Each structure stands twice: as C-alpha cells, then as structure tokens.
Amino acid sequence: MSELVSDCPRCDSSRMTFDLVSQTVIKVNGWQNIYEAFCICRHCKKSTVFVLRERGIEESKYIRQSGLNKVSSAINNLVNIEDYISLKDASNIEPPEYLPEKLGTVFSEGTTCFSVGCFNAAGTMFRLCVDLATKALLPEDDRDGLNSKIRRNLGLRLPWLFAQGLLPIALQDLSSCIKEDGNDGAHDGSLKKEEAEDLLDFTFALLERMYTEPERLRLAKMRRDARRGA
C-alpha cells in the first residue's frame, strides 16, 4: 500500500503519514492525470480524500506501470498535493469558459459560498465579478457624461454602459439585482437564496457575453480560416 505524507485536515497533525487505500482519475491533461485519493491518517485513523496531480512525464509513466496505490515508498516525489475534498467542493457550478484568471477565481469563490448557504458572501463575490468586468469596458477619457463617480460606483456605471451600447441591452432588466441585492449583501447581511440566485444568473450571463461568446467566435473563425487555407 502506498504512503502519502501531508498535514492532516482532520486532526491537525503536521507531516503525518497516510495510507493511500484507493484512487480514481478525475481529470486528464495530456500525459498528466489528476486523482482523488482516499487516504487514512495513521494518527487519528480518519479518512481524507486528497486531490493529487502527477509531477512530470517520467513520474506519470512510473505510476502507470506500478499503480498509484502500490508504490513501495511515499508517493510525494511522484505527485503534488493540490487540495483535499471538503464542503467547498459541494458546488457543481462551473464558471463560464475563457474567463481571465482573476475573474474565474472570484466567480468560483462566489459559487462556493452559494453552495454552502453563505448567500451574503456569495452576493458580494458576484457583485465583485461584475465590478471588475465592467471597469474594463470604460474608456480612458471622460465623455458622454462619464465621470469619477460613475467610474467608482457600479450602480451608476451599469446604466451608463447600457446607454452607450457597451453592454447588451437584453441584460439591462436583470442588472437591477446587482445594485439592490448586491448592496444588501455587502451592507446589512439580508440576502436570501433567491436573491443570490438572481445575482448568480446575471453574473453568469454577463460574463458569457463578455468573454465566452467572443472567444468561441474567434476560435470558430480560426478553424474556418484553417479549413479554407488547407
């Protein structure tokens, strides 16, 4: 049976040895497998499911030959410990495709908060997503009524962007939840599940329009040009 050395999330022991009982591949990136591994702490005898990523091509080949749970030594030199499964993983809401890394991180934090019932925190994160995304749409110079207050205030910025045609008008009706529900969640902690869902729906739709759809169209055009060139 393989061994894994890690801090134990269950008993807080540092650098504890775990028995790796079994594993399953949850994702494949080319040559690299990512695993969820069921492990038992030798100190507290409680289980933890770790997320493990193969370190390199040679390590990956070695694991294929022997099996991850049949390595004779500690597997820490073969895999990196990415995380462990906890309540935060209850969320099954994936962010829209092709988001900038920072936006993807904030959106995922929001969906994690939503999945565990922290609706005020979720609303704040979704509002932050919209705030970060829409700031990028503002021109450098102040024109057509744009000023420092509109730049700072999301509730004023959204109407200006819609009026200038910089955001799809079809989203304007949904956008009211960002100002009202987002402020509620941030300031007085009164956000309910339904209101957080409104924020989630608008944020997802906005990010898809701004990032996912343009990138899909760009990739489709590249494929078409490649076919014609061929």
C-alpha atoms as a PDB file:
ATOM      1  CA  MET A   1       0.000   0.000   0.000  1.00  0.00           C
ATOM      2  CA  SER A   2       1.325   3.464  -0.904  1.00  0.00           C
ATOM      3  CA  GLU A   3       2.027   6.167   1.653  1.00  0.00           C
ATOM      4  CA  LEU A   4       1.365   9.895   1.424  1.00  0.00           C
ATOM      5  CA  VAL A   5       2.885  12.477   3.779  1.00  0.00           C
ATOM      6  CA  SER A   6       0.797  15.573   4.474  1.00  0.00           C
ATOM      7  CA  ASP A   7      -0.730  17.684   7.208  1.00  0.00           C
ATOM      8  CA  CYS A   8      -3.941  16.041   8.392  1.00  0.00           C
ATOM      9  CA  PRO A   9      -7.093  18.170   7.899  1.00  0.00           C
ATOM     10  CA  ARG A  10      -8.926  16.061  10.484  1.00  0.00           C
ATOM     11  CA  CYS A  11      -6.577  16.112  13.493  1.00  0.00           C
ATOM     12  CA  ASP A  12      -4.191  18.952  12.502  1.00  0.00           C
ATOM     13  CA  SER A  13      -1.117  16.726  12.789  1.00  0.00           C
ATOM     14  CA  SER A  14       1.784  18.090  10.764  1.00  0.00           C
ATOM     15  CA  ARG A  15       3.708  15.969   8.268  1.00  0.00           C
ATOM     16  CA  MET A  16       1.659  12.889   9.082  1.00  0.00           C
ATOM     17  CA  THR A  17       1.821   9.644   7.116  1.00  0.00           C
ATOM     18  CA  PHE A  18      -1.365   8.469   5.397  1.00  0.00           C
ATOM     19  CA  ASP A  19      -2.144   5.052   3.962  1.00  0.00           C
ATOM     20  CA  LEU A  20      -3.381   5.513   0.393  1.00  0.00           C
ATOM     21  CA  VAL A  21      -6.184   2.962   0.133  1.00  0.00           C
ATOM     22  CA  SER A  22      -7.580   3.696  -3.324  1.00  0.00           C
ATOM     23  CA  GLN A  23      -7.734   6.354  -6.009  1.00  0.00           C
ATOM     24  CA  THR A  24      -9.662   7.435  -9.069  1.00  0.00           C
ATOM     25  CA  VAL A  25      -8.674   9.606 -12.020  1.00  0.00           C
ATOM     26  CA  ILE A  26     -10.864  12.725 -12.127  1.00  0.00           C
ATOM     27  CA  LYS A  27      -9.153  14.605 -14.956  1.00  0.00           C
ATOM     28  CA  VAL A  28      -6.597  14.021 -17.698  1.00  0.00           C
ATOM     29  CA  ASN A  29      -4.440  16.831 -19.119  1.00  0.00           C
ATOM     30  CA  GLY A  30      -2.485  15.233 -21.940  1.00  0.00           C
ATOM     31  CA  TRP A  31       0.019  12.928 -20.240  1.00  0.00           C
ATOM     32  CA  GLN A  32      -0.915  14.150 -16.752  1.00  0.00           C
ATOM     33  CA  ASN A  33      -3.552  12.519 -14.534  1.00  0.00           C
ATOM     34  CA  ILE A  34      -5.249  14.230 -11.618  1.00  0.00           C
ATOM     35  CA  TYR A  35      -6.525  11.913  -8.900  1.00  0.00           C
ATOM     36  CA  GLU A  36      -8.797  11.870  -5.913  1.00  0.00           C
ATOM     37  CA  ALA A  37      -7.122   9.544  -3.412  1.00  0.00           C
ATOM     38  CA  PHE A  38      -8.821   8.017  -0.356  1.00  0.00           C
ATOM     39  CA  CYS A  39      -6.270   8.104   2.464  1.00  0.00           C
ATOM     40  CA  ILE A  40      -6.288   7.214   6.180  1.00  0.00           C
ATOM     41  CA  CYS A  41      -4.262   9.158   8.737  1.00  0.00           C
ATOM     42  CA  ARG A  42      -2.081   6.923  10.901  1.00  0.00           C
ATOM     43  CA  HIS A  43      -2.520   9.272  13.866  1.00  0.00           C
ATOM     44  CA  CYS A  44      -6.280   9.835  14.101  1.00  0.00           C
ATOM     45  CA  LYS A  45      -7.358   6.901  11.863  1.00  0.00           C
ATOM     46  CA  LYS A  46      -9.762   9.203   9.997  1.00  0.00           C
ATOM     47  CA  SER A  47     -10.023   9.439   6.223  1.00  0.00           C
ATOM     48  CA  THR A  48      -9.339  12.307   3.867  1.00  0.00           C
ATOM     49  CA  VAL A  49      -9.745  12.460   0.090  1.00  0.00           C
ATOM     50  CA  PHE A  50      -6.751  14.290  -1.364  1.00  0.00           C
ATOM     51  CA  VAL A  51      -6.541  15.792  -4.860  1.00  0.00           C
ATOM     52  CA  LEU A  52      -3.197  14.746  -6.385  1.00  0.00           C
ATOM     53  CA  ARG A  53      -1.524  15.842  -9.616  1.00  0.00           C
ATOM     54  CA  GLU A  54       1.273  13.899 -11.324  1.00  0.00           C
ATOM     55  CA  ARG A  55       4.522  15.858 -11.220  1.00  0.00           C
ATOM     56  CA  GLY A  56       6.054  15.059 -14.591  1.00  0.00           C
ATOM     57  CA  ILE A  57       6.107  12.735 -17.584  1.00  0.00           C
ATOM     58  CA  GLU A  58       8.561  10.261 -16.044  1.00  0.00           C
ATOM     59  CA  GLU A  59       6.591  10.171 -12.800  1.00  0.00           C
ATOM     60  CA  SER A  60       3.420   9.620 -14.811  1.00  0.00           C
ATOM     61  CA  LYS A  61       4.992   6.638 -16.637  1.00  0.00           C
ATOM     62  CA  TYR A  62       6.123   5.112 -13.345  1.00  0.00           C
ATOM     63  CA  ILE A  63       2.635   5.422 -11.860  1.00  0.00           C
ATOM     64  CA  ARG A  64       1.125   3.734 -14.921  1.00  0.00           C
ATOM     65  CA  GLN A  65       3.466   0.783 -14.501  1.00  0.00           C
ATOM     66  CA  SER A  66       3.031   0.208 -10.773  1.00  0.00           C
ATOM     67  CA  GLY A  67      -0.327   1.787  -9.878  1.00  0.00           C
ATOM     68  CA  LEU A  68      -0.618   4.801  -7.586  1.00  0.00           C
ATOM     69  CA  ASN A  69      -1.684   2.751  -4.561  1.00  0.00           C
ATOM     70  CA  LYS A  70       1.058   0.145  -4.998  1.00  0.00           C
ATOM     71  CA  VAL A  71       4.190   2.313  -4.853  1.00  0.00           C
ATOM     72  CA  SER A  72       6.630   0.923  -2.309  1.00  0.00           C
ATOM     73  CA  SER A  73       7.701   4.338  -0.975  1.00  0.00           C
ATOM     74  CA  ALA A  74       5.970   7.628  -0.170  1.00  0.00           C
ATOM     75  CA  ILE A  75       4.384   9.000  -3.344  1.00  0.00           C
ATOM     76  CA  ASN A  76       5.158  12.644  -2.574  1.00  0.00           C
ATOM     77  CA  ASN A  77       8.043  12.520  -5.048  1.00  0.00           C
ATOM     78  CA  LEU A  78       5.606  11.410  -7.769  1.00  0.00           C
ATOM     79  CA  VAL A  79       2.625  13.715  -7.200  1.00  0.00           C
ATOM     80  CA  ASN A  80       1.820  17.167  -5.902  1.00  0.00           C
ATOM     81  CA  ILE A  81      -0.922  17.560  -3.309  1.00  0.00           C
ATOM     82  CA  GLU A  82      -3.293  20.091  -4.830  1.00  0.00           C
ATOM     83  CA  ASP A  83      -6.062  20.124  -2.240  1.00  0.00           C
ATOM     84  CA  TYR A  84      -8.407  17.905  -0.258  1.00  0.00           C
ATOM     85  CA  ILE A  85     -12.145  17.401  -0.704  1.00  0.00           C
ATOM     86  CA  SER A  86     -14.299  19.382   1.732  1.00  0.00           C
ATOM     87  CA  LEU A  87     -17.635  21.169   1.911  1.00  0.00           C
ATOM     88  CA  LYS A  88     -16.376  23.791  -0.531  1.00  0.00           C
ATOM     89  CA  ASP A  89     -16.456  21.140  -3.269  1.00  0.00           C
ATOM     90  CA  ALA A  90     -20.239  20.782  -2.957  1.00  0.00           C
ATOM     91  CA  SER A  91     -20.589  23.422  -5.689  1.00  0.00           C
ATOM     92  CA  ASN A  92     -21.197  21.955  -9.153  1.00  0.00           C
ATOM     93  CA  ILE A  93     -21.422  25.338 -10.884  1.00  0.00           C
ATOM     94  CA  GLU A  94     -18.564  25.773 -13.327  1.00  0.00           C
ATOM     95  CA  PRO A  95     -17.546  29.326 -14.309  1.00  0.00           C
ATOM     96  CA  PRO A  96     -18.112  30.449 -17.896  1.00  0.00           C
ATOM     97  CA  GLU A  97     -15.358  29.455 -20.299  1.00  0.00           C
ATOM     98  CA  TYR A  98     -12.382  31.667 -21.189  1.00  0.00           C
ATOM     99  CA  LEU A  99     -12.562  33.992 -18.191  1.00  0.00           C
ATOM    100  CA  PRO A 100      -9.447  35.871 -17.105  1.00  0.00           C
ATOM    101  CA  GLU A 101      -7.863  34.033 -14.190  1.00  0.00           C
ATOM    102  CA  LYS A 102      -8.780  36.634 -11.567  1.00  0.00           C
ATOM    103  CA  LEU A 103     -12.434  36.694 -12.610  1.00  0.00           C
ATOM    104  CA  GLY A 104     -12.595  32.911 -12.644  1.00  0.00           C
ATOM    105  CA  THR A 105     -11.218  32.794  -9.109  1.00  0.00           C
ATOM    106  CA  VAL A 106     -13.713  35.344  -7.798  1.00  0.00           C
ATOM    107  CA  PHE A 107     -16.646  33.639  -9.537  1.00  0.00           C
ATOM    108  CA  SER A 108     -15.653  30.239  -8.127  1.00  0.00           C
ATOM    109  CA  GLU A 109     -15.395  31.739  -4.646  1.00  0.00           C
ATOM    110  CA  GLY A 110     -18.909  33.066  -5.088  1.00  0.00           C
ATOM    111  CA  THR A 111     -20.310  29.704  -6.161  1.00  0.00           C
ATOM    112  CA  THR A 112     -18.544  28.000  -3.249  1.00  0.00           C
ATOM    113  CA  CYS A 113     -20.166  30.441  -0.826  1.00  0.00           C
ATOM    114  CA  PHE A 114     -23.516  29.871  -2.539  1.00  0.00           C
ATOM    115  CA  SER A 115     -23.244  26.085  -2.313  1.00  0.00           C
ATOM    116  CA  VAL A 116     -22.714  26.157   1.466  1.00  0.00           C
ATOM    117  CA  GLY A 117     -25.536  28.629   2.105  1.00  0.00           C
ATOM    118  CA  CYS A 118     -23.428  31.769   2.633  1.00  0.00           C
ATOM    119  CA  PHE A 119     -25.649  33.901   0.412  1.00  0.00           C
ATOM    120  CA  ASN A 120     -24.419  37.315   1.566  1.00  0.00           C
ATOM    121  CA  ALA A 121     -20.811  36.346   0.856  1.00  0.00           C
ATOM    122  CA  ALA A 122     -21.842  34.837  -2.491  1.00  0.00           C
ATOM    123  CA  GLY A 123     -23.680  38.012  -3.477  1.00  0.00           C
ATOM    124  CA  THR A 124     -20.663  40.118  -2.617  1.00  0.00           C
ATOM    125  CA  MET A 125     -18.400  37.935  -4.785  1.00  0.00           C
ATOM    126  CA  PHE A 126     -20.796  38.000  -7.758  1.00  0.00           C
ATOM    127  CA  ARG A 127     -21.057  41.750  -7.477  1.00  0.00           C
ATOM    128  CA  LEU A 128     -17.263  41.965  -7.408  1.00  0.00           C
ATOM    129  CA  CYS A 129     -17.158  39.901 -10.626  1.00  0.00           C
ATOM    130  CA  VAL A 130     -19.419  42.377 -12.381  1.00  0.00           C
ATOM    131  CA  ASP A 131     -17.482  45.313 -10.937  1.00  0.00           C
ATOM    132  CA  LEU A 132     -14.144  44.011 -12.223  1.00  0.00           C
ATOM    133  CA  ALA A 133     -15.521  43.023 -15.627  1.00  0.00           C
ATOM    134  CA  THR A 134     -17.332  46.291 -16.329  1.00  0.00           C
ATOM    135  CA  LYS A 135     -14.438  48.507 -15.274  1.00  0.00           C
ATOM    136  CA  ALA A 136     -12.543  47.085 -18.233  1.00  0.00           C
ATOM    137  CA  LEU A 137     -15.225  48.474 -20.591  1.00  0.00           C
ATOM    138  CA  LEU A 138     -14.775  52.095 -19.549  1.00  0.00           C
ATOM    139  CA  PRO A 139     -12.913  54.395 -21.946  1.00  0.00           C
ATOM    140  CA  GLU A 140      -9.804  56.135 -20.699  1.00  0.00           C
ATOM    141  CA  ASP A 141     -11.215  59.631 -21.228  1.00  0.00           C
ATOM    142  CA  ASP A 142     -14.349  61.089 -19.611  1.00  0.00           C
ATOM    143  CA  ARG A 143     -17.008  61.560 -22.290  1.00  0.00           C
ATOM    144  CA  ASP A 144     -20.785  61.387 -22.707  1.00  0.00           C
ATOM    145  CA  GLY A 145     -21.304  62.178 -19.032  1.00  0.00           C
ATOM    146  CA  LEU A 146     -18.707  59.735 -17.703  1.00  0.00           C
ATOM    147  CA  ASN A 147     -17.072  60.989 -14.506  1.00  0.00           C
ATOM    148  CA  SER A 148     -15.143  59.744 -11.482  1.00  0.00           C
ATOM    149  CA  LYS A 149     -18.323  58.919  -9.538  1.00  0.00           C
ATOM    150  CA  ILE A 150     -19.623  56.655 -12.329  1.00  0.00           C
ATOM    151  CA  ARG A 151     -16.209  55.019 -12.565  1.00  0.00           C
ATOM    152  CA  ARG A 152     -16.266  54.203  -8.842  1.00  0.00           C
ATOM    153  CA  ASN A 153     -19.915  53.258  -8.374  1.00  0.00           C
ATOM    154  CA  LEU A 154     -21.169  50.059 -10.028  1.00  0.00           C
ATOM    155  CA  GLY A 155     -24.813  51.081  -9.597  1.00  0.00           C
ATOM    156  CA  LEU A 156     -24.145  54.205 -11.685  1.00  0.00           C
ATOM    157  CA  ARG A 157     -21.710  52.550 -14.073  1.00  0.00           C
ATOM    158  CA  LEU A 158     -24.100  49.871 -15.375  1.00  0.00           C
ATOM    159  CA  PRO A 159     -26.782  52.325 -16.639  1.00  0.00           C
ATOM    160  CA  TRP A 160     -24.058  54.377 -18.343  1.00  0.00           C
ATOM    161  CA  LEU A 161     -22.641  51.301 -20.083  1.00  0.00           C
ATOM    162  CA  PHE A 162     -26.093  50.227 -21.261  1.00  0.00           C
ATOM    163  CA  ALA A 163     -26.827  53.734 -22.518  1.00  0.00           C
ATOM    164  CA  GLN A 164     -23.587  53.771 -24.511  1.00  0.00           C
ATOM    165  CA  GLY A 165     -24.272  50.364 -26.049  1.00  0.00           C
ATOM    166  CA  LEU A 166     -21.227  48.854 -24.325  1.00  0.00           C
ATOM    167  CA  LEU A 167     -23.349  46.155 -22.651  1.00  0.00           C
ATOM    168  CA  PRO A 168     -26.103  44.071 -24.330  1.00  0.00           C
ATOM    169  CA  ILE A 169     -29.436  45.792 -23.739  1.00  0.00           C
ATOM    170  CA  ALA A 170     -31.062  42.372 -23.233  1.00  0.00           C
ATOM    171  CA  LEU A 171     -29.298  42.159 -19.862  1.00  0.00           C
ATOM    172  CA  GLN A 172     -30.474  45.518 -18.583  1.00  0.00           C
ATOM    173  CA  ASP A 173     -33.572  44.271 -16.773  1.00  0.00           C
ATOM    174  CA  LEU A 174     -31.586  41.609 -14.904  1.00  0.00           C
ATOM    175  CA  SER A 175     -28.922  44.114 -13.932  1.00  0.00           C
ATOM    176  CA  SER A 176     -31.103  45.774 -11.277  1.00  0.00           C
ATOM    177  CA  CYS A 177     -30.310  42.909  -8.886  1.00  0.00           C
ATOM    178  CA  ILE A 178     -26.634  43.896  -8.836  1.00  0.00           C
ATOM    179  CA  LYS A 179     -27.317  47.311  -7.383  1.00  0.00           C
ATOM    180  CA  GLU A 180     -30.084  46.321  -4.994  1.00  0.00           C
ATOM    181  CA  ASP A 181     -29.244  42.785  -3.871  1.00  0.00           C
ATOM    182  CA  GLY A 182     -25.502  43.309  -4.073  1.00  0.00           C
ATOM    183  CA  ASN A 183     -25.700  46.298  -1.762  1.00  0.00           C
ATOM    184  CA  ASP A 184     -27.948  44.366   0.627  1.00  0.00           C
ATOM    185  CA  GLY A 185     -25.474  41.526   0.885  1.00  0.00           C
ATOM    186  CA  ALA A 186     -22.500  43.812   1.376  1.00  0.00           C
ATOM    187  CA  HIS A 187     -24.019  46.220   3.872  1.00  0.00           C
ATOM    188  CA  ASP A 188     -26.779  44.713   6.004  1.00  0.00           C
ATOM    189  CA  GLY A 189     -26.460  40.943   5.535  1.00  0.00           C
ATOM    190  CA  SER A 190     -30.041  40.407   4.385  1.00  0.00           C
ATOM    191  CA  LEU A 191     -29.501  38.455   1.165  1.00  0.00           C
ATOM    192  CA  LYS A 192     -31.686  35.367   0.737  1.00  0.00           C
ATOM    193  CA  LYS A 193     -31.130  32.353  -1.523  1.00  0.00           C
ATOM    194  CA  GLU A 194     -33.468  33.599  -4.271  1.00  0.00           C
ATOM    195  CA  GLU A 195     -31.708  36.956  -4.413  1.00  0.00           C
ATOM    196  CA  ALA A 196     -28.293  35.299  -4.529  1.00  0.00           C
ATOM    197  CA  GLU A 197     -29.570  33.147  -7.407  1.00  0.00           C
ATOM    198  CA  ASP A 198     -30.604  36.317  -9.271  1.00  0.00           C
ATOM    199  CA  LEU A 199     -27.097  37.670  -8.827  1.00  0.00           C
ATOM    200  CA  LEU A 200     -25.581  34.379  -9.967  1.00  0.00           C
ATOM    201  CA  ASP A 201     -27.756  34.276 -13.102  1.00  0.00           C
ATOM    202  CA  PHE A 202     -26.934  37.840 -14.108  1.00  0.00           C
ATOM    203  CA  THR A 203     -23.230  37.471 -13.407  1.00  0.00           C
ATOM    204  CA  PHE A 204     -23.016  34.240 -15.402  1.00  0.00           C
ATOM    205  CA  ALA A 205     -24.937  35.728 -18.345  1.00  0.00           C
ATOM    206  CA  LEU A 206     -22.813  38.881 -18.359  1.00  0.00           C
ATOM    207  CA  LEU A 207     -19.505  37.005 -18.231  1.00  0.00           C
ATOM    208  CA  GLU A 208     -20.627  34.666 -21.017  1.00  0.00           C
ATOM    209  CA  ARG A 209     -21.488  37.635 -23.239  1.00  0.00           C
ATOM    210  CA  MET A 210     -18.254  39.463 -22.471  1.00  0.00           C
ATOM    211  CA  TYR A 211     -15.747  36.600 -22.577  1.00  0.00           C
ATOM    212  CA  THR A 212     -17.129  33.205 -23.607  1.00  0.00           C
ATOM    213  CA  GLU A 213     -19.075  34.087 -26.747  1.00  0.00           C
ATOM    214  CA  PRO A 214     -16.394  36.343 -28.310  1.00  0.00           C
ATOM    215  CA  GLU A 215     -13.703  33.713 -27.731  1.00  0.00           C
ATOM    216  CA  ARG A 216     -15.868  30.932 -29.170  1.00  0.00           C
ATOM    217  CA  LEU A 217     -16.475  33.048 -32.262  1.00  0.00           C
ATOM    218  CA  ARG A 218     -12.757  33.818 -32.570  1.00  0.00           C
ATOM    219  CA  LEU A 219     -11.881  30.116 -32.366  1.00  0.00           C
ATOM    220  CA  ALA A 220     -14.605  29.222 -34.864  1.00  0.00           C
ATOM    221  CA  LYS A 221     -13.205  31.809 -37.302  1.00  0.00           C
ATOM    222  CA  MET A 222      -9.705  30.371 -36.851  1.00  0.00           C
ATOM    223  CA  ARG A 223     -10.983  26.883 -37.655  1.00  0.00           C
ATOM    224  CA  ARG A 224     -12.819  28.162 -40.721  1.00  0.00           C
ATOM    225  CA  ASP A 225      -9.748  30.040 -41.957  1.00  0.00           C
ATOM    226  CA  ALA A 226      -7.616  26.967 -41.385  1.00  0.00           C
ATOM    227  CA  ARG A 227     -10.026  24.812 -43.429  1.00  0.00           C
ATOM    228  CA  ARG A 228     -10.041  27.305 -46.271  1.00  0.00           C
ATOM    229  CA  GLY A 229      -6.290  27.624 -46.166  1.00  0.00           C
ATOM    230  CA  ALA A 230      -5.940  23.856 -46.297  1.00  0.00           C
END
